[in-house]
Amino acid sequence: KSGEEGMQLTWMDAKFEDKVFTPRSGKPIEIQGLWY
């Protein structure tokens, strides 16, 4: 699991000022595949 308010941690990381368009906080699928 990962994520904090206002952060974009995966490759879908588009952000404008304080707006994160795809935050994907929690458990993204490709992260689980990479973790495995």
PDB file of all heavy atoms in Angstrom:
ATOM      1  N   LYS A   1       0.851  -1.181   0.000  1.00  0.00           N
ATOM      2  CA  LYS A   1       0.000   0.000   0.000  1.00  0.00           C
ATOM      3  C   LYS A   1       0.890   1.236   0.000  1.00  0.00           C
ATOM      4  O   LYS A   1       2.022   1.204   0.500  1.00  0.00           O
ATOM      5  CB  LYS A   1      -0.931   0.008   1.213  1.00  0.00           C
ATOM      6  CG  LYS A   1      -0.216  -0.051   2.558  1.00  0.00           C
ATOM      7  CD  LYS A   1      -1.210  -0.148   3.706  1.00  0.00           C
ATOM      8  CE  LYS A   1      -0.472  -0.257   5.039  1.00  0.00           C
ATOM      9  NZ  LYS A   1      -1.420  -0.352   6.182  1.00  0.00           N
ATOM     10  N   SER A   2       0.379   2.316  -0.541  1.00  0.00           N
ATOM     11  CA  SER A   2       1.175   3.540  -0.612  1.00  0.00           C
ATOM     12  C   SER A   2       0.256   4.719  -0.858  1.00  0.00           C
ATOM     13  O   SER A   2      -0.896   4.562  -1.273  1.00  0.00           O
ATOM     14  CB  SER A   2       2.211   3.454  -1.741  1.00  0.00           C
ATOM     15  OG  SER A   2       1.574   3.341  -2.999  1.00  0.00           O
ATOM     16  N   GLY A   3       0.766   5.904  -0.590  1.00  0.00           N
ATOM     17  CA  GLY A   3       0.020   7.108  -0.924  1.00  0.00           C
ATOM     18  C   GLY A   3      -0.131   8.074   0.229  1.00  0.00           C
ATOM     19  O   GLY A   3      -0.328   7.675   1.378  1.00  0.00           O
ATOM     20  N   GLU A   4      -0.008   9.340  -0.092  1.00  0.00           N
ATOM     21  CA  GLU A   4      -0.266  10.432   0.830  1.00  0.00           C
ATOM     22  C   GLU A   4      -1.022  11.523   0.080  1.00  0.00           C
ATOM     23  O   GLU A   4      -0.964  11.593  -1.157  1.00  0.00           O
ATOM     24  CB  GLU A   4       1.044  11.009   1.399  1.00  0.00           C
ATOM     25  CG  GLU A   4       1.781  10.082   2.347  1.00  0.00           C
ATOM     26  CD  GLU A   4       3.033  10.721   2.912  1.00  0.00           C
ATOM     27  OE1 GLU A   4       3.357  11.866   2.480  1.00  0.00           O
ATOM     28  OE2 GLU A   4       3.685  10.112   3.761  1.00  0.00           O
ATOM     29  N   GLU A   5      -1.703  12.348   0.796  1.00  0.00           N
ATOM     30  CA  GLU A   5      -2.472  13.430   0.187  1.00  0.00           C
ATOM     31  C   GLU A   5      -1.563  14.314  -0.661  1.00  0.00           C
ATOM     32  O   GLU A   5      -0.496  14.759  -0.218  1.00  0.00           O
ATOM     33  CB  GLU A   5      -3.144  14.279   1.270  1.00  0.00           C
ATOM     34  CG  GLU A   5      -4.086  15.340   0.735  1.00  0.00           C
ATOM     35  CD  GLU A   5      -5.334  14.766   0.109  1.00  0.00           C
ATOM     36  OE1 GLU A   5      -5.735  13.654   0.503  1.00  0.00           O
ATOM     37  OE2 GLU A   5      -5.911  15.428  -0.769  1.00  0.00           O
ATOM     38  N   GLY A   6      -1.978  14.559  -1.905  1.00  0.00           N
ATOM     39  CA  GLY A   6      -1.217  15.434  -2.782  1.00  0.00           C
ATOM     40  C   GLY A   6      -0.018  14.797  -3.446  1.00  0.00           C
ATOM     41  O   GLY A   6       0.765  15.490  -4.100  1.00  0.00           O
ATOM     42  N   MET A   7       0.130  13.459  -3.310  1.00  0.00           N
ATOM     43  CA  MET A   7       1.281  12.785  -3.903  1.00  0.00           C
ATOM     44  C   MET A   7       0.830  11.905  -5.062  1.00  0.00           C
ATOM     45  O   MET A   7      -0.254  11.345  -5.054  1.00  0.00           O
ATOM     46  CB  MET A   7       1.991  11.906  -2.862  1.00  0.00           C
ATOM     47  CG  MET A   7       2.589  12.692  -1.710  1.00  0.00           C
ATOM     48  SD  MET A   7       3.811  13.917  -2.240  1.00  0.00           S
ATOM     49  CE  MET A   7       5.020  12.872  -3.044  1.00  0.00           C
ATOM     50  N   GLN A   8       1.710  11.782  -6.056  1.00  0.00           N
ATOM     51  CA  GLN A   8       1.498  10.882  -7.184  1.00  0.00           C
ATOM     52  C   GLN A   8       2.734   9.994  -7.274  1.00  0.00           C
ATOM     53  O   GLN A   8       3.810  10.455  -7.585  1.00  0.00           O
ATOM     54  CB  GLN A   8       1.233  11.663  -8.469  1.00  0.00           C
ATOM     55  CG  GLN A   8       2.399  12.393  -9.086  1.00  0.00           C
ATOM     56  CD  GLN A   8       2.819  13.668  -8.377  1.00  0.00           C
ATOM     57  OE1 GLN A   8       2.700  13.800  -7.172  1.00  0.00           O
ATOM     58  NE2 GLN A   8       3.359  14.622  -9.141  1.00  0.00           N
ATOM     59  N   LEU A   9       2.590   8.713  -6.962  1.00  0.00           N
ATOM     60  CA  LEU A   9       3.741   7.843  -6.754  1.00  0.00           C
ATOM     61  C   LEU A   9       3.954   6.810  -7.840  1.00  0.00           C
ATOM     62  O   LEU A   9       4.973   6.120  -7.839  1.00  0.00           O
ATOM     63  CB  LEU A   9       3.625   7.134  -5.400  1.00  0.00           C
ATOM     64  CG  LEU A   9       3.543   8.035  -4.164  1.00  0.00           C
ATOM     65  CD1 LEU A   9       3.363   7.194  -2.905  1.00  0.00           C
ATOM     66  CD2 LEU A   9       4.792   8.907  -4.030  1.00  0.00           C
ATOM     67  N   THR A  10       2.990   6.650  -8.767  1.00  0.00           N
ATOM     68  CA  THR A  10       3.158   5.681  -9.844  1.00  0.00           C
ATOM     69  C   THR A  10       3.511   6.407 -11.135  1.00  0.00           C
ATOM     70  O   THR A  10       3.662   7.627 -11.151  1.00  0.00           O
ATOM     71  CB  THR A  10       1.873   4.851 -10.049  1.00  0.00           C
ATOM     72  OG1 THR A  10       0.851   5.680 -10.624  1.00  0.00           O
ATOM     73  CG2 THR A  10       1.378   4.275  -8.722  1.00  0.00           C
ATOM     74  N   TRP A  11       3.616   5.671 -12.238  1.00  0.00           N
ATOM     75  CA  TRP A  11       3.973   6.316 -13.509  1.00  0.00           C
ATOM     76  C   TRP A  11       2.860   7.233 -13.998  1.00  0.00           C
ATOM     77  O   TRP A  11       3.115   8.149 -14.778  1.00  0.00           O
ATOM     78  CB  TRP A  11       4.322   5.266 -14.567  1.00  0.00           C
ATOM     79  CG  TRP A  11       3.155   4.613 -15.242  1.00  0.00           C
ATOM     80  CD1 TRP A  11       2.431   3.555 -14.779  1.00  0.00           C
ATOM     81  CD2 TRP A  11       2.587   4.967 -16.506  1.00  0.00           C
ATOM     82  NE1 TRP A  11       1.447   3.224 -15.674  1.00  0.00           N
ATOM     83  CE2 TRP A  11       1.513   4.075 -16.753  1.00  0.00           C
ATOM     84  CE3 TRP A  11       2.878   5.947 -17.466  1.00  0.00           C
ATOM     85  CZ2 TRP A  11       0.737   4.137 -17.904  1.00  0.00           C
ATOM     86  CZ3 TRP A  11       2.094   6.004 -18.616  1.00  0.00           C
ATOM     87  CH2 TRP A  11       1.043   5.108 -18.826  1.00  0.00           C
ATOM     88  N   MET A  12       1.645   7.018 -13.525  1.00  0.00           N
ATOM     89  CA  MET A  12       0.550   7.933 -13.836  1.00  0.00           C
ATOM     90  C   MET A  12       0.623   9.104 -12.859  1.00  0.00           C
ATOM     91  O   MET A  12      -0.120   9.170 -11.874  1.00  0.00           O
ATOM     92  CB  MET A  12      -0.787   7.196 -13.763  1.00  0.00           C
ATOM     93  CG  MET A  12      -0.961   6.191 -14.879  1.00  0.00           C
ATOM     94  SD  MET A  12      -2.621   5.490 -14.929  1.00  0.00           S
ATOM     95  CE  MET A  12      -2.628   4.793 -16.585  1.00  0.00           C
ATOM     96  N   ASP A  13       1.556  10.003 -13.117  1.00  0.00           N
ATOM     97  CA  ASP A  13       1.966  10.992 -12.120  1.00  0.00           C
ATOM     98  C   ASP A  13       1.653  12.432 -12.499  1.00  0.00           C
ATOM     99  O   ASP A  13       2.268  13.369 -11.981  1.00  0.00           O
ATOM    100  CB  ASP A  13       3.474  10.857 -11.860  1.00  0.00           C
ATOM    101  CG  ASP A  13       4.294  10.997 -13.130  1.00  0.00           C
ATOM    102  OD1 ASP A  13       3.706  11.187 -14.217  1.00  0.00           O
ATOM    103  OD2 ASP A  13       5.535  10.891 -13.044  1.00  0.00           O
ATOM    104  N   ALA A  14       0.690  12.647 -13.405  1.00  0.00           N
ATOM    105  CA  ALA A  14       0.379  14.017 -13.828  1.00  0.00           C
ATOM    106  C   ALA A  14      -0.145  14.842 -12.651  1.00  0.00           C
ATOM    107  O   ALA A  14      -1.029  14.417 -11.917  1.00  0.00           O
ATOM    108  CB  ALA A  14      -0.650  13.998 -14.952  1.00  0.00           C
ATOM    109  N   LYS A  15       0.422  16.040 -12.507  1.00  0.00           N
ATOM    110  CA  LYS A  15       0.046  16.933 -11.408  1.00  0.00           C
ATOM    111  C   LYS A  15       0.190  18.375 -11.873  1.00  0.00           C
ATOM    112  O   LYS A  15       1.176  18.722 -12.527  1.00  0.00           O
ATOM    113  CB  LYS A  15       0.934  16.670 -10.184  1.00  0.00           C
ATOM    114  CG  LYS A  15       0.612  17.528  -8.972  1.00  0.00           C
ATOM    115  CD  LYS A  15       1.522  17.163  -7.805  1.00  0.00           C
ATOM    116  CE  LYS A  15       1.206  18.000  -6.572  1.00  0.00           C
ATOM    117  NZ  LYS A  15       2.089  17.658  -5.432  1.00  0.00           N
ATOM    118  N   PHE A  16      -0.770  19.199 -11.536  1.00  0.00           N
ATOM    119  CA  PHE A  16      -0.688  20.630 -11.830  1.00  0.00           C
ATOM    120  C   PHE A  16      -0.929  21.390 -10.535  1.00  0.00           C
ATOM    121  O   PHE A  16      -2.013  21.305  -9.951  1.00  0.00           O
ATOM    122  CB  PHE A  16      -1.732  21.032 -12.880  1.00  0.00           C
ATOM    123  CG  PHE A  16      -1.647  22.480 -13.271  1.00  0.00           C
ATOM    124  CD1 PHE A  16      -0.739  22.905 -14.225  1.00  0.00           C
ATOM    125  CD2 PHE A  16      -2.464  23.422 -12.666  1.00  0.00           C
ATOM    126  CE1 PHE A  16      -0.658  24.240 -14.592  1.00  0.00           C
ATOM    127  CE2 PHE A  16      -2.394  24.758 -13.014  1.00  0.00           C
ATOM    128  CZ  PHE A  16      -1.477  25.175 -13.984  1.00  0.00           C
ATOM    129  N   GLU A  17       0.127  22.072 -10.062  1.00  0.00           N
ATOM    130  CA  GLU A  17       0.089  22.745  -8.766  1.00  0.00           C
ATOM    131  C   GLU A  17      -0.326  21.723  -7.698  1.00  0.00           C
ATOM    132  O   GLU A  17       0.382  20.763  -7.472  1.00  0.00           O
ATOM    133  CB  GLU A  17      -0.833  23.970  -8.845  1.00  0.00           C
ATOM    134  CG  GLU A  17      -0.307  25.034  -9.816  1.00  0.00           C
ATOM    135  CD  GLU A  17      -1.198  26.244  -9.947  1.00  0.00           C
ATOM    136  OE1 GLU A  17      -2.335  26.219  -9.423  1.00  0.00           O
ATOM    137  OE2 GLU A  17      -0.773  27.229 -10.587  1.00  0.00           O
ATOM    138  N   ASP A  18      -1.475  21.900  -7.047  1.00  0.00           N
ATOM    139  CA  ASP A  18      -1.873  20.952  -6.006  1.00  0.00           C
ATOM    140  C   ASP A  18      -2.828  19.870  -6.512  1.00  0.00           C
ATOM    141  O   ASP A  18      -3.273  19.021  -5.735  1.00  0.00           O
ATOM    142  CB  ASP A  18      -2.548  21.691  -4.841  1.00  0.00           C
ATOM    143  CG  ASP A  18      -1.581  22.617  -4.118  1.00  0.00           C
ATOM    144  OD1 ASP A  18      -0.375  22.301  -4.086  1.00  0.00           O
ATOM    145  OD2 ASP A  18      -2.027  23.660  -3.595  1.00  0.00           O
ATOM    146  N   LYS A  19      -3.135  19.886  -7.792  1.00  0.00           N
ATOM    147  CA  LYS A  19      -4.089  18.949  -8.352  1.00  0.00           C
ATOM    148  C   LYS A  19      -3.381  17.702  -8.881  1.00  0.00           C
ATOM    149  O   LYS A  19      -2.588  17.771  -9.822  1.00  0.00           O
ATOM    150  CB  LYS A  19      -4.871  19.615  -9.490  1.00  0.00           C
ATOM    151  CG  LYS A  19      -5.817  18.697 -10.244  1.00  0.00           C
ATOM    152  CD  LYS A  19      -6.970  18.211  -9.379  1.00  0.00           C
ATOM    153  CE  LYS A  19      -7.978  17.424 -10.207  1.00  0.00           C
ATOM    154  NZ  LYS A  19      -9.091  16.912  -9.380  1.00  0.00           N
ATOM    155  N   VAL A  20      -3.672  16.542  -8.255  1.00  0.00           N
ATOM    156  CA  VAL A  20      -3.154  15.258  -8.721  1.00  0.00           C
ATOM    157  C   VAL A  20      -4.264  14.593  -9.526  1.00  0.00           C
ATOM    158  O   VAL A  20      -5.336  14.296  -9.007  1.00  0.00           O
ATOM    159  CB  VAL A  20      -2.733  14.364  -7.543  1.00  0.00           C
ATOM    160  CG1 VAL A  20      -2.252  13.009  -8.054  1.00  0.00           C
ATOM    161  CG2 VAL A  20      -1.629  15.041  -6.732  1.00  0.00           C
ATOM    162  N   PHE A  21      -4.026  14.342 -10.806  1.00  0.00           N
ATOM    163  CA  PHE A  21      -5.095  13.867 -11.686  1.00  0.00           C
ATOM    164  C   PHE A  21      -5.362  12.368 -11.540  1.00  0.00           C
ATOM    165  O   PHE A  21      -6.503  11.928 -11.686  1.00  0.00           O
ATOM    166  CB  PHE A  21      -4.767  14.217 -13.144  1.00  0.00           C
ATOM    167  CG  PHE A  21      -4.753  15.686 -13.405  1.00  0.00           C
ATOM    168  CD1 PHE A  21      -3.563  16.388 -13.496  1.00  0.00           C
ATOM    169  CD2 PHE A  21      -5.943  16.394 -13.532  1.00  0.00           C
ATOM    170  CE1 PHE A  21      -3.548  17.754 -13.729  1.00  0.00           C
ATOM    171  CE2 PHE A  21      -5.946  17.765 -13.760  1.00  0.00           C
ATOM    172  CZ  PHE A  21      -4.744  18.446 -13.857  1.00  0.00           C
ATOM    173  N   THR A  22      -4.333  11.585 -11.280  1.00  0.00           N
ATOM    174  CA  THR A  22      -4.512  10.141 -11.074  1.00  0.00           C
ATOM    175  C   THR A  22      -3.702   9.718  -9.846  1.00  0.00           C
ATOM    176  O   THR A  22      -2.640   9.098  -9.972  1.00  0.00           O
ATOM    177  CB  THR A  22      -4.050   9.344 -12.313  1.00  0.00           C
ATOM    178  OG1 THR A  22      -2.776   9.840 -12.752  1.00  0.00           O
ATOM    179  CG2 THR A  22      -5.055   9.441 -13.437  1.00  0.00           C
ATOM    180  N   PRO A  23      -4.171  10.032  -8.644  1.00  0.00           N
ATOM    181  CA  PRO A  23      -3.375   9.760  -7.436  1.00  0.00           C
ATOM    182  C   PRO A  23      -3.131   8.277  -7.198  1.00  0.00           C
ATOM    183  O   PRO A  23      -2.062   7.885  -6.768  1.00  0.00           O
ATOM    184  CB  PRO A  23      -4.221  10.373  -6.317  1.00  0.00           C
ATOM    185  CG  PRO A  23      -5.601  10.464  -6.864  1.00  0.00           C
ATOM    186  CD  PRO A  23      -5.438  10.712  -8.332  1.00  0.00           C
ATOM    187  N   ARG A  24      -4.128   7.431  -7.424  1.00  0.00           N
ATOM    188  CA  ARG A  24      -4.005   5.977  -7.303  1.00  0.00           C
ATOM    189  C   ARG A  24      -3.446   5.543  -5.947  1.00  0.00           C
ATOM    190  O   ARG A  24      -2.702   4.563  -5.853  1.00  0.00           O
ATOM    191  CB  ARG A  24      -3.171   5.404  -8.459  1.00  0.00           C
ATOM    192  CG  ARG A  24      -3.702   5.793  -9.831  1.00  0.00           C
ATOM    193  CD  ARG A  24      -2.892   5.202 -10.967  1.00  0.00           C
ATOM    194  NE  ARG A  24      -3.121   3.781 -11.105  1.00  0.00           N
ATOM    195  CZ  ARG A  24      -2.163   2.876 -11.202  1.00  0.00           C
ATOM    196  NH1 ARG A  24      -0.897   3.234 -11.123  1.00  0.00           N
ATOM    197  NH2 ARG A  24      -2.443   1.612 -11.355  1.00  0.00           N
ATOM    198  N   SER A  25      -3.818   6.265  -4.903  1.00  0.00           N
ATOM    199  CA  SER A  25      -3.388   5.890  -3.555  1.00  0.00           C
ATOM    200  C   SER A  25      -4.053   4.577  -3.157  1.00  0.00           C
ATOM    201  O   SER A  25      -5.206   4.319  -3.505  1.00  0.00           O
ATOM    202  CB  SER A  25      -3.760   6.983  -2.552  1.00  0.00           C
ATOM    203  OG  SER A  25      -3.026   8.157  -2.813  1.00  0.00           O
ATOM    204  N   GLY A  26      -3.321   3.759  -2.437  1.00  0.00           N
ATOM    205  CA  GLY A  26      -3.828   2.459  -2.021  1.00  0.00           C
ATOM    206  C   GLY A  26      -2.932   1.360  -2.544  1.00  0.00           C
ATOM    207  O   GLY A  26      -1.730   1.343  -2.270  1.00  0.00           O
ATOM    208  N   LYS A  27      -3.522   0.462  -3.343  1.00  0.00           N
ATOM    209  CA  LYS A  27      -2.779  -0.695  -3.850  1.00  0.00           C
ATOM    210  C   LYS A  27      -2.969  -0.802  -5.361  1.00  0.00           C
ATOM    211  O   LYS A  27      -3.871  -1.490  -5.842  1.00  0.00           O
ATOM    212  CB  LYS A  27      -3.259  -1.972  -3.148  1.00  0.00           C
ATOM    213  CG  LYS A  27      -3.040  -1.945  -1.635  1.00  0.00           C
ATOM    214  CD  LYS A  27      -3.722  -3.103  -0.927  1.00  0.00           C
ATOM    215  CE  LYS A  27      -3.522  -3.007   0.581  1.00  0.00           C
ATOM    216  NZ  LYS A  27      -4.254  -4.060   1.324  1.00  0.00           N
ATOM    217  N   PRO A  28      -2.137  -0.122  -6.139  1.00  0.00           N
ATOM    218  CA  PRO A  28      -2.237  -0.201  -7.603  1.00  0.00           C
ATOM    219  C   PRO A  28      -1.795  -1.580  -8.102  1.00  0.00           C
ATOM    220  O   PRO A  28      -0.870  -2.184  -7.552  1.00  0.00           O
ATOM    221  CB  PRO A  28      -1.282   0.899  -8.085  1.00  0.00           C
ATOM    222  CG  PRO A  28      -1.028   1.767  -6.881  1.00  0.00           C
ATOM    223  CD  PRO A  28      -1.135   0.862  -5.713  1.00  0.00           C
ATOM    224  N   ILE A  29      -2.415  -2.054  -9.177  1.00  0.00           N
ATOM    225  CA  ILE A  29      -2.168  -3.413  -9.642  1.00  0.00           C
ATOM    226  C   ILE A  29      -0.739  -3.646 -10.099  1.00  0.00           C
ATOM    227  O   ILE A  29      -0.139  -4.685  -9.799  1.00  0.00           O
ATOM    228  CB  ILE A  29      -3.165  -3.810 -10.759  1.00  0.00           C
ATOM    229  CG1 ILE A  29      -2.920  -5.240 -11.217  1.00  0.00           C
ATOM    230  CG2 ILE A  29      -3.093  -2.855 -11.930  1.00  0.00           C
ATOM    231  CD1 ILE A  29      -2.983  -6.290 -10.126  1.00  0.00           C
ATOM    232  N   GLU A  30      -0.145  -2.693 -10.863  1.00  0.00           N
ATOM    233  CA  GLU A  30       1.215  -2.957 -11.351  1.00  0.00           C
ATOM    234  C   GLU A  30       2.220  -2.982 -10.205  1.00  0.00           C
ATOM    235  O   GLU A  30       3.252  -3.664 -10.296  1.00  0.00           O
ATOM    236  CB  GLU A  30       1.635  -1.944 -12.432  1.00  0.00           C
ATOM    237  CG  GLU A  30       2.103  -0.584 -11.946  1.00  0.00           C
ATOM    238  CD  GLU A  30       0.949   0.357 -11.657  1.00  0.00           C
ATOM    239  OE1 GLU A  30      -0.206  -0.103 -11.542  1.00  0.00           O
ATOM    240  OE2 GLU A  30       1.201   1.573 -11.524  1.00  0.00           O
ATOM    241  N   ILE A  31       1.919  -2.263  -9.111  1.00  0.00           N
ATOM    242  CA  ILE A  31       2.808  -2.304  -7.943  1.00  0.00           C
ATOM    243  C   ILE A  31       2.778  -3.685  -7.301  1.00  0.00           C
ATOM    244  O   ILE A  31       3.802  -4.208  -6.853  1.00  0.00           O
ATOM    245  CB  ILE A  31       2.411  -1.216  -6.919  1.00  0.00           C
ATOM    246  CG1 ILE A  31       2.421   0.161  -7.583  1.00  0.00           C
ATOM    247  CG2 ILE A  31       3.352  -1.254  -5.718  1.00  0.00           C
ATOM    248  CD1 ILE A  31       3.714   0.538  -8.262  1.00  0.00           C
ATOM    249  N   GLN A  32       1.608  -4.309  -7.285  1.00  0.00           N
ATOM    250  CA  GLN A  32       1.503  -5.651  -6.717  1.00  0.00           C
ATOM    251  C   GLN A  32       2.232  -6.673  -7.585  1.00  0.00           C
ATOM    252  O   GLN A  32       2.889  -7.589  -7.066  1.00  0.00           O
ATOM    253  CB  GLN A  32       0.034  -6.044  -6.539  1.00  0.00           C
ATOM    254  CG  GLN A  32      -0.835  -4.998  -5.866  1.00  0.00           C
ATOM    255  CD  GLN A  32      -0.172  -4.321  -4.672  1.00  0.00           C
ATOM    256  OE1 GLN A  32       0.445  -4.975  -3.828  1.00  0.00           O
ATOM    257  NE2 GLN A  32      -0.315  -2.995  -4.586  1.00  0.00           N
ATOM    258  N   GLY A  33       2.128  -6.514  -8.919  1.00  0.00           N
ATOM    259  CA  GLY A  33       2.878  -7.395  -9.802  1.00  0.00           C
ATOM    260  C   GLY A  33       4.378  -7.218  -9.624  1.00  0.00           C
ATOM    261  O   GLY A  33       5.136  -8.198  -9.592  1.00  0.00           O
ATOM    262  N   LEU A  34       4.817  -5.979  -9.495  1.00  0.00           N
ATOM    263  CA  LEU A  34       6.237  -5.705  -9.263  1.00  0.00           C
ATOM    264  C   LEU A  34       6.691  -6.233  -7.909  1.00  0.00           C
ATOM    265  O   LEU A  34       7.801  -6.767  -7.778  1.00  0.00           O
ATOM    266  CB  LEU A  34       6.494  -4.201  -9.360  1.00  0.00           C
ATOM    267  CG  LEU A  34       6.495  -3.611 -10.766  1.00  0.00           C
ATOM    268  CD1 LEU A  34       6.329  -2.093 -10.721  1.00  0.00           C
ATOM    269  CD2 LEU A  34       7.779  -3.978 -11.502  1.00  0.00           C
ATOM    270  N   TRP A  35       5.857  -6.095  -6.891  1.00  0.00           N
ATOM    271  CA  TRP A  35       6.182  -6.579  -5.550  1.00  0.00           C
ATOM    272  C   TRP A  35       6.329  -8.100  -5.558  1.00  0.00           C
ATOM    273  O   TRP A  35       7.269  -8.657  -4.986  1.00  0.00           O
ATOM    274  CB  TRP A  35       5.104  -6.127  -4.581  1.00  0.00           C
ATOM    275  CG  TRP A  35       5.158  -6.647  -3.180  1.00  0.00           C
ATOM    276  CD1 TRP A  35       4.179  -7.318  -2.522  1.00  0.00           C
ATOM    277  CD2 TRP A  35       6.236  -6.514  -2.222  1.00  0.00           C
ATOM    278  NE1 TRP A  35       4.554  -7.622  -1.241  1.00  0.00           N
ATOM    279  CE2 TRP A  35       5.818  -7.131  -1.027  1.00  0.00           C
ATOM    280  CE3 TRP A  35       7.501  -5.942  -2.273  1.00  0.00           C
ATOM    281  CZ2 TRP A  35       6.626  -7.192   0.114  1.00  0.00           C
ATOM    282  CZ3 TRP A  35       8.316  -5.999  -1.139  1.00  0.00           C
ATOM    283  CH2 TRP A  35       7.876  -6.610   0.026  1.00  0.00           C
ATOM    284  N   TYR A  36       5.392  -8.781  -6.207  1.00  0.00           N
ATOM    285  CA  TYR A  36       5.478 -10.239  -6.323  1.00  0.00           C
ATOM    286  C   TYR A  36       6.770 -10.640  -7.025  1.00  0.00           C
ATOM    287  O   TYR A  36       7.475 -11.552  -6.589  1.00  0.00           O
ATOM    288  CB  TYR A  36       4.269 -10.772  -7.094  1.00  0.00           C
ATOM    289  CG  TYR A  36       4.350 -12.247  -7.406  1.00  0.00           C
ATOM    290  CD1 TYR A  36       4.300 -13.205  -6.396  1.00  0.00           C
ATOM    291  CD2 TYR A  36       4.482 -12.688  -8.724  1.00  0.00           C
ATOM    292  CE1 TYR A  36       4.378 -14.561  -6.686  1.00  0.00           C
ATOM    293  CE2 TYR A  36       4.556 -14.041  -9.022  1.00  0.00           C
ATOM    294  CZ  TYR A  36       4.505 -14.966  -7.995  1.00  0.00           C
ATOM    295  OH  TYR A  36       4.585 -16.319  -8.282  1.00  0.00           O
TER     296      TYR A  36
END
